[in-house]
Amino acid sequence: MEESPMTKPPLHFWIVAILSLLWNGYGGFDYLMTQTQNAGYLATYTPEQKAYFAGLPLWMDCSWALGVWTSVVGSVLLILRRHWALQAFLVSLVGIAGMLIHSYVLTDGARIMGPQAPVFSAVITAIGLFLAWYAWTMIKKGVLR
């Protein structure tokens, strides 16, 4: 079966794809540094914040990993112009939802992380939603195959 030709990506595609990888790559770095309890990285965290991350339940660690790593994969797939980027970004939203439920419903994580936590959570969610929408849009326009 012959594939239909792809549409040439517009300049904004490459800007979004590269910024996506940088943003999500930093998320991966943050995850690794926090999970390995890197002393230098966590130096600005309060003892209560360090204890919060050290005491995360397994399901939350899994949700966080799912959100972070599928978003990184989604960014790579976006750069490779693969339609699977959409599915990766959608799965990352499931991980984000788990993190939000844990931090804002099941625990006092939002208070522990400080007044900037709701803003940062909103930014993470908004970017995740945007990337899923963007991948869907690029599929519809024939940019992703």
N, C-alpha and C. Protein backbone atom coordinates (compact mmCIF):
# COMPACT_ATOMS: atom_id res chain seq x y z
N MET A 1 0.84 -1.17 0.00
CA MET A 1 0.00 0.00 0.00
C MET A 1 0.89 1.24 0.00
N GLU A 2 0.59 2.17 -0.87
CA GLU A 2 1.39 3.38 -1.01
C GLU A 2 0.93 4.45 -0.01
N GLU A 3 1.91 5.09 0.62
CA GLU A 3 1.59 6.16 1.55
C GLU A 3 1.30 7.45 0.79
N SER A 4 0.37 8.22 1.32
CA SER A 4 0.12 9.52 0.70
C SER A 4 1.26 10.46 1.08
N PRO A 5 1.58 11.39 0.18
CA PRO A 5 2.68 12.31 0.49
C PRO A 5 2.32 13.21 1.67
N MET A 6 3.34 13.52 2.45
CA MET A 6 3.12 14.40 3.60
C MET A 6 3.22 15.86 3.16
N THR A 7 2.51 16.66 3.88
CA THR A 7 2.58 18.10 3.69
C THR A 7 3.86 18.60 4.33
N LYS A 8 4.50 19.54 3.67
CA LYS A 8 5.70 20.15 4.23
C LYS A 8 5.33 20.89 5.51
N PRO A 9 6.07 20.65 6.58
CA PRO A 9 5.72 21.33 7.84
C PRO A 9 6.02 22.82 7.79
N PRO A 10 5.12 23.61 8.37
CA PRO A 10 5.38 25.05 8.45
C PRO A 10 6.47 25.33 9.49
N LEU A 11 7.03 26.51 9.44
CA LEU A 11 8.09 26.89 10.37
C LEU A 11 7.65 26.72 11.82
N HIS A 12 6.40 27.08 12.13
CA HIS A 12 5.94 26.97 13.52
C HIS A 12 5.97 25.52 14.01
N PHE A 13 5.85 24.57 13.09
CA PHE A 13 5.93 23.16 13.49
C PHE A 13 7.28 22.87 14.15
N TRP A 14 8.36 23.28 13.49
CA TRP A 14 9.70 23.00 14.02
C TRP A 14 9.95 23.77 15.32
N ILE A 15 9.43 24.96 15.42
CA ILE A 15 9.58 25.73 16.65
C ILE A 15 8.86 25.02 17.80
N VAL A 16 7.60 24.62 17.57
CA VAL A 16 6.83 23.91 18.60
C VAL A 16 7.49 22.58 18.95
N ALA A 17 7.92 21.83 17.94
CA ALA A 17 8.51 20.51 18.19
C ALA A 17 9.78 20.61 19.02
N ILE A 18 10.64 21.55 18.70
CA ILE A 18 11.91 21.69 19.43
C ILE A 18 11.66 22.23 20.84
N LEU A 19 10.79 23.24 20.97
CA LEU A 19 10.46 23.75 22.31
C LEU A 19 9.80 22.66 23.16
N SER A 20 8.99 21.83 22.52
CA SER A 20 8.35 20.72 23.22
C SER A 20 9.39 19.76 23.78
N LEU A 21 10.38 19.43 22.97
CA LEU A 21 11.43 18.51 23.45
C LEU A 21 12.25 19.14 24.57
N LEU A 22 12.54 20.42 24.46
CA LEU A 22 13.29 21.10 25.53
C LEU A 22 12.47 21.12 26.83
N TRP A 23 11.19 21.49 26.75
CA TRP A 23 10.32 21.55 27.91
C TRP A 23 10.17 20.16 28.55
N ASN A 24 9.83 19.18 27.74
CA ASN A 24 9.61 17.84 28.28
C ASN A 24 10.92 17.17 28.68
N GLY A 25 12.00 17.51 28.00
CA GLY A 25 13.31 17.00 28.41
C GLY A 25 13.68 17.51 29.79
N TYR A 26 13.35 18.78 30.07
CA TYR A 26 13.60 19.30 31.41
C TYR A 26 12.73 18.56 32.43
N GLY A 27 11.50 18.23 32.05
CA GLY A 27 10.64 17.43 32.93
C GLY A 27 11.28 16.09 33.26
N GLY A 28 11.89 15.47 32.26
CA GLY A 28 12.59 14.21 32.49
C GLY A 28 13.78 14.39 33.42
N PHE A 29 14.52 15.47 33.22
CA PHE A 29 15.65 15.78 34.10
C PHE A 29 15.18 15.98 35.53
N ASP A 30 14.11 16.76 35.70
CA ASP A 30 13.54 17.00 37.02
C ASP A 30 13.12 15.69 37.68
N TYR A 31 12.46 14.84 36.91
CA TYR A 31 12.04 13.54 37.44
C TYR A 31 13.24 12.73 37.92
N LEU A 32 14.27 12.63 37.09
CA LEU A 32 15.46 11.85 37.47
C LEU A 32 16.15 12.43 38.70
N MET A 33 16.33 13.74 38.73
CA MET A 33 17.02 14.36 39.86
C MET A 33 16.22 14.19 41.16
N THR A 34 14.91 14.27 41.06
CA THR A 34 14.07 14.12 42.24
C THR A 34 14.03 12.66 42.69
N GLN A 35 13.88 11.75 41.74
CA GLN A 35 13.80 10.33 42.09
C GLN A 35 15.11 9.80 42.67
N THR A 36 16.23 10.32 42.19
CA THR A 36 17.54 9.88 42.72
C THR A 36 17.95 10.69 43.95
N GLN A 37 17.09 11.62 44.34
CA GLN A 37 17.32 12.49 45.49
C GLN A 37 18.68 13.19 45.41
N ASN A 38 18.94 13.74 44.24
CA ASN A 38 20.19 14.45 43.99
C ASN A 38 20.29 15.65 44.93
N ALA A 39 21.29 15.62 45.79
CA ALA A 39 21.42 16.64 46.84
C ALA A 39 21.57 18.05 46.27
N GLY A 40 22.35 18.19 45.24
CA GLY A 40 22.54 19.51 44.64
C GLY A 40 21.25 20.05 44.04
N TYR A 41 20.52 19.19 43.38
CA TYR A 41 19.27 19.61 42.74
C TYR A 41 18.22 19.96 43.79
N LEU A 42 18.17 19.19 44.86
CA LEU A 42 17.16 19.39 45.90
C LEU A 42 17.60 20.38 46.98
N ALA A 43 18.73 21.03 46.79
CA ALA A 43 19.27 21.93 47.81
C ALA A 43 18.32 23.07 48.16
N THR A 44 17.50 23.50 47.22
CA THR A 44 16.58 24.61 47.50
C THR A 44 15.24 24.14 48.06
N TYR A 45 15.04 22.83 48.12
CA TYR A 45 13.78 22.29 48.65
C TYR A 45 13.80 22.34 50.17
N THR A 46 12.64 22.56 50.75
CA THR A 46 12.52 22.53 52.21
C THR A 46 12.56 21.07 52.66
N PRO A 47 12.84 20.83 53.94
CA PRO A 47 12.78 19.45 54.44
C PRO A 47 11.40 18.81 54.22
N GLU A 48 10.33 19.61 54.35
CA GLU A 48 8.99 19.09 54.13
C GLU A 48 8.79 18.69 52.67
N GLN A 49 9.33 19.47 51.73
CA GLN A 49 9.22 19.14 50.31
C GLN A 49 10.02 17.87 49.98
N LYS A 50 11.21 17.76 50.55
CA LYS A 50 12.02 16.55 50.33
C LYS A 50 11.29 15.32 50.87
N ALA A 51 10.71 15.45 52.03
CA ALA A 51 9.97 14.32 52.63
C ALA A 51 8.75 13.97 51.79
N TYR A 52 8.10 14.96 51.23
CA TYR A 52 6.93 14.73 50.38
C TYR A 52 7.31 13.87 49.18
N PHE A 53 8.38 14.25 48.49
CA PHE A 53 8.80 13.48 47.32
C PHE A 53 9.33 12.11 47.70
N ALA A 54 10.04 12.03 48.80
CA ALA A 54 10.56 10.72 49.24
C ALA A 54 9.43 9.78 49.64
N GLY A 55 8.29 10.32 50.06
CA GLY A 55 7.19 9.50 50.53
C GLY A 55 6.08 9.27 49.52
N LEU A 56 6.31 9.60 48.26
CA LEU A 56 5.27 9.40 47.26
C LEU A 56 4.91 7.91 47.15
N PRO A 57 3.63 7.59 47.07
CA PRO A 57 3.25 6.19 46.87
C PRO A 57 3.66 5.71 45.48
N LEU A 58 3.78 4.41 45.33
CA LEU A 58 4.22 3.82 44.06
C LEU A 58 3.33 4.25 42.90
N TRP A 59 2.02 4.29 43.12
CA TRP A 59 1.13 4.66 42.01
C TRP A 59 1.40 6.08 41.54
N MET A 60 1.77 6.96 42.46
CA MET A 60 2.07 8.34 42.09
C MET A 60 3.39 8.42 41.33
N ASP A 61 4.40 7.66 41.79
CA ASP A 61 5.65 7.60 41.04
C ASP A 61 5.39 7.12 39.61
N CYS A 62 4.53 6.11 39.48
CA CYS A 62 4.19 5.58 38.16
C CYS A 62 3.45 6.62 37.32
N SER A 63 2.54 7.33 37.93
CA SER A 63 1.78 8.37 37.23
C SER A 63 2.72 9.49 36.78
N TRP A 64 3.61 9.89 37.65
CA TRP A 64 4.57 10.94 37.32
C TRP A 64 5.47 10.47 36.17
N ALA A 65 5.99 9.25 36.27
CA ALA A 65 6.84 8.71 35.21
C ALA A 65 6.08 8.64 33.89
N LEU A 66 4.85 8.19 33.94
CA LEU A 66 4.02 8.10 32.75
C LEU A 66 3.85 9.47 32.10
N GLY A 67 3.53 10.47 32.92
CA GLY A 67 3.35 11.82 32.40
C GLY A 67 4.61 12.39 31.79
N VAL A 68 5.72 12.18 32.47
CA VAL A 68 6.99 12.75 32.00
C VAL A 68 7.51 12.04 30.76
N TRP A 69 7.65 10.73 30.84
CA TRP A 69 8.34 10.01 29.77
C TRP A 69 7.51 9.87 28.50
N THR A 70 6.18 9.78 28.62
CA THR A 70 5.40 9.74 27.39
C THR A 70 5.36 11.11 26.72
N SER A 71 5.51 12.17 27.50
CA SER A 71 5.59 13.49 26.87
C SER A 71 6.94 13.65 26.15
N VAL A 72 8.00 13.10 26.71
CA VAL A 72 9.30 13.13 26.02
C VAL A 72 9.21 12.33 24.72
N VAL A 73 8.62 11.14 24.80
CA VAL A 73 8.43 10.31 23.60
C VAL A 73 7.56 11.05 22.59
N GLY A 74 6.51 11.70 23.06
CA GLY A 74 5.65 12.47 22.17
C GLY A 74 6.42 13.56 21.44
N SER A 75 7.30 14.23 22.15
CA SER A 75 8.11 15.28 21.53
C SER A 75 9.04 14.71 20.47
N VAL A 76 9.66 13.59 20.77
CA VAL A 76 10.54 12.94 19.78
C VAL A 76 9.72 12.52 18.56
N LEU A 77 8.56 11.92 18.81
CA LEU A 77 7.70 11.51 17.70
C LEU A 77 7.21 12.71 16.88
N LEU A 78 6.99 13.82 17.55
CA LEU A 78 6.61 15.04 16.83
C LEU A 78 7.73 15.46 15.89
N ILE A 79 8.95 15.49 16.40
CA ILE A 79 10.11 15.86 15.57
C ILE A 79 10.27 14.89 14.40
N LEU A 80 10.00 13.60 14.65
CA LEU A 80 10.08 12.60 13.58
C LEU A 80 8.86 12.60 12.66
N ARG A 81 7.90 13.46 12.98
CA ARG A 81 6.68 13.64 12.19
C ARG A 81 5.84 12.36 12.13
N ARG A 82 5.70 11.72 13.29
CA ARG A 82 4.90 10.51 13.40
C ARG A 82 3.58 10.81 14.10
N HIS A 83 2.51 10.25 13.59
CA HIS A 83 1.18 10.50 14.17
C HIS A 83 1.04 9.93 15.59
N TRP A 84 1.90 9.01 15.97
CA TRP A 84 1.85 8.45 17.32
C TRP A 84 2.17 9.49 18.39
N ALA A 85 2.66 10.64 17.98
CA ALA A 85 2.90 11.73 18.94
C ALA A 85 1.62 12.07 19.68
N LEU A 86 0.49 12.07 18.96
CA LEU A 86 -0.78 12.39 19.60
C LEU A 86 -1.09 11.40 20.72
N GLN A 87 -0.96 10.13 20.46
CA GLN A 87 -1.25 9.12 21.49
C GLN A 87 -0.31 9.27 22.68
N ALA A 88 0.95 9.56 22.41
CA ALA A 88 1.90 9.75 23.51
C ALA A 88 1.49 10.95 24.36
N PHE A 89 1.12 12.05 23.73
CA PHE A 89 0.71 13.23 24.49
C PHE A 89 -0.58 12.97 25.26
N LEU A 90 -1.50 12.19 24.70
CA LEU A 90 -2.73 11.86 25.42
C LEU A 90 -2.44 11.00 26.65
N VAL A 91 -1.54 10.04 26.51
CA VAL A 91 -1.16 9.21 27.66
C VAL A 91 -0.48 10.08 28.73
N SER A 92 0.33 11.04 28.29
CA SER A 92 0.98 11.92 29.27
C SER A 92 -0.05 12.71 30.06
N LEU A 93 -1.18 13.07 29.43
CA LEU A 93 -2.24 13.78 30.14
C LEU A 93 -2.86 12.91 31.24
N VAL A 94 -2.89 11.60 31.03
CA VAL A 94 -3.37 10.69 32.07
C VAL A 94 -2.42 10.75 33.27
N GLY A 95 -1.12 10.74 32.99
CA GLY A 95 -0.15 10.87 34.07
C GLY A 95 -0.26 12.20 34.80
N ILE A 96 -0.46 13.27 34.05
CA ILE A 96 -0.64 14.59 34.66
C ILE A 96 -1.87 14.60 35.55
N ALA A 97 -2.96 13.99 35.07
CA ALA A 97 -4.19 13.94 35.87
C ALA A 97 -3.94 13.22 37.20
N GLY A 98 -3.20 12.12 37.15
CA GLY A 98 -2.87 11.40 38.39
C GLY A 98 -2.08 12.25 39.35
N MET A 99 -1.12 13.00 38.82
CA MET A 99 -0.31 13.88 39.68
C MET A 99 -1.18 14.96 40.31
N LEU A 100 -2.09 15.53 39.52
CA LEU A 100 -2.97 16.58 40.04
C LEU A 100 -3.90 16.04 41.13
N ILE A 101 -4.45 14.87 40.89
CA ILE A 101 -5.33 14.25 41.89
C ILE A 101 -4.57 14.01 43.18
N HIS A 102 -3.36 13.51 43.06
CA HIS A 102 -2.55 13.25 44.27
C HIS A 102 -2.25 14.55 45.01
N SER A 103 -1.80 15.56 44.27
CA SER A 103 -1.35 16.81 44.91
C SER A 103 -2.48 17.68 45.45
N TYR A 104 -3.63 17.67 44.77
CA TYR A 104 -4.69 18.60 45.13
C TYR A 104 -5.90 17.97 45.80
N VAL A 105 -6.04 16.65 45.70
CA VAL A 105 -7.21 15.99 46.27
C VAL A 105 -6.83 15.06 47.41
N LEU A 106 -5.82 14.24 47.19
CA LEU A 106 -5.49 13.20 48.17
C LEU A 106 -4.47 13.61 49.22
N THR A 107 -3.69 14.64 48.93
CA THR A 107 -2.66 15.07 49.88
C THR A 107 -2.65 16.60 49.96
N ASP A 108 -1.76 17.09 50.76
CA ASP A 108 -1.57 18.53 50.91
C ASP A 108 -0.35 18.97 50.10
N GLY A 109 -0.09 18.27 49.01
CA GLY A 109 1.09 18.53 48.19
C GLY A 109 1.16 19.94 47.66
N ALA A 110 0.03 20.50 47.28
CA ALA A 110 0.03 21.86 46.74
C ALA A 110 0.53 22.86 47.79
N ARG A 111 0.09 22.70 49.03
CA ARG A 111 0.55 23.60 50.10
C ARG A 111 2.03 23.40 50.36
N ILE A 112 2.45 22.13 50.38
CA ILE A 112 3.85 21.80 50.67
C ILE A 112 4.78 22.41 49.62
N MET A 113 4.35 22.40 48.36
CA MET A 113 5.20 22.89 47.28
C MET A 113 5.20 24.41 47.17
N GLY A 114 4.30 25.07 47.86
CA GLY A 114 4.34 26.53 47.91
C GLY A 114 3.32 27.19 47.01
N PRO A 115 3.23 28.52 47.11
CA PRO A 115 2.19 29.27 46.40
C PRO A 115 2.32 29.21 44.88
N GLN A 116 3.50 28.89 44.38
CA GLN A 116 3.67 28.80 42.92
C GLN A 116 3.16 27.47 42.36
N ALA A 117 2.86 26.49 43.21
CA ALA A 117 2.45 25.16 42.75
C ALA A 117 1.21 25.18 41.86
N PRO A 118 0.14 25.87 42.23
CA PRO A 118 -1.04 25.88 41.34
C PRO A 118 -0.75 26.49 39.96
N VAL A 119 0.06 27.53 39.94
CA VAL A 119 0.40 28.17 38.67
C VAL A 119 1.21 27.20 37.82
N PHE A 120 2.21 26.58 38.42
CA PHE A 120 3.05 25.64 37.68
C PHE A 120 2.24 24.43 37.21
N SER A 121 1.35 23.94 38.05
CA SER A 121 0.47 22.83 37.65
C SER A 121 -0.40 23.22 36.47
N ALA A 122 -0.91 24.43 36.49
CA ALA A 122 -1.75 24.92 35.39
C ALA A 122 -0.94 25.04 34.10
N VAL A 123 0.30 25.50 34.21
CA VAL A 123 1.16 25.63 33.03
C VAL A 123 1.46 24.25 32.45
N ILE A 124 1.81 23.29 33.31
CA ILE A 124 2.10 21.93 32.84
C ILE A 124 0.88 21.35 32.13
N THR A 125 -0.29 21.51 32.73
CA THR A 125 -1.52 20.99 32.14
C THR A 125 -1.83 21.68 30.82
N ALA A 126 -1.71 22.99 30.79
CA ALA A 126 -1.99 23.75 29.56
C ALA A 126 -1.05 23.35 28.43
N ILE A 127 0.22 23.19 28.73
CA ILE A 127 1.18 22.79 27.69
C ILE A 127 0.87 21.37 27.22
N GLY A 128 0.54 20.48 28.15
CA GLY A 128 0.17 19.12 27.76
C GLY A 128 -1.04 19.10 26.84
N LEU A 129 -2.05 19.86 27.19
CA LEU A 129 -3.25 19.95 26.35
C LEU A 129 -2.93 20.57 24.99
N PHE A 130 -2.12 21.61 25.00
CA PHE A 130 -1.73 22.26 23.75
C PHE A 130 -1.00 21.28 22.84
N LEU A 131 -0.05 20.52 23.39
CA LEU A 131 0.73 19.60 22.56
C LEU A 131 -0.14 18.50 21.97
N ALA A 132 -1.10 18.00 22.73
CA ALA A 132 -2.03 16.99 22.20
C ALA A 132 -2.86 17.61 21.07
N TRP A 133 -3.39 18.81 21.30
CA TRP A 133 -4.16 19.51 20.27
C TRP A 133 -3.30 19.78 19.03
N TYR A 134 -2.08 20.22 19.26
CA TYR A 134 -1.19 20.55 18.14
C TYR A 134 -0.88 19.32 17.31
N ALA A 135 -0.58 18.20 17.96
CA ALA A 135 -0.31 16.96 17.22
C ALA A 135 -1.54 16.55 16.42
N TRP A 136 -2.72 16.65 17.03
CA TRP A 136 -3.97 16.31 16.33
C TRP A 136 -4.14 17.21 15.10
N THR A 137 -3.88 18.51 15.28
CA THR A 137 -3.99 19.45 14.18
C THR A 137 -3.01 19.13 13.06
N MET A 138 -1.79 18.77 13.42
CA MET A 138 -0.79 18.45 12.41
C MET A 138 -1.12 17.14 11.68
N ILE A 139 -1.78 16.22 12.36
CA ILE A 139 -2.24 15.00 11.68
C ILE A 139 -3.28 15.38 10.63
N LYS A 140 -4.26 16.20 11.05
CA LYS A 140 -5.34 16.62 10.15
C LYS A 140 -4.81 17.39 8.93
N LYS A 141 -3.71 18.11 9.11
CA LYS A 141 -3.13 18.89 8.01
C LYS A 141 -2.16 18.06 7.16
N GLY A 142 -1.92 16.81 7.56
CA GLY A 142 -1.05 15.94 6.79
C GLY A 142 0.43 16.11 7.07
N VAL A 143 0.77 16.83 8.14
CA VAL A 143 2.18 17.05 8.48
C VAL A 143 2.77 15.81 9.19
N LEU A 144 1.95 15.12 9.97
CA LEU A 144 2.40 13.89 10.64
C LEU A 144 1.83 12.69 9.89
N ARG A 145 2.63 11.64 9.77
CA ARG A 145 2.16 10.44 9.07
C ARG A 145 2.01 9.29 10.04
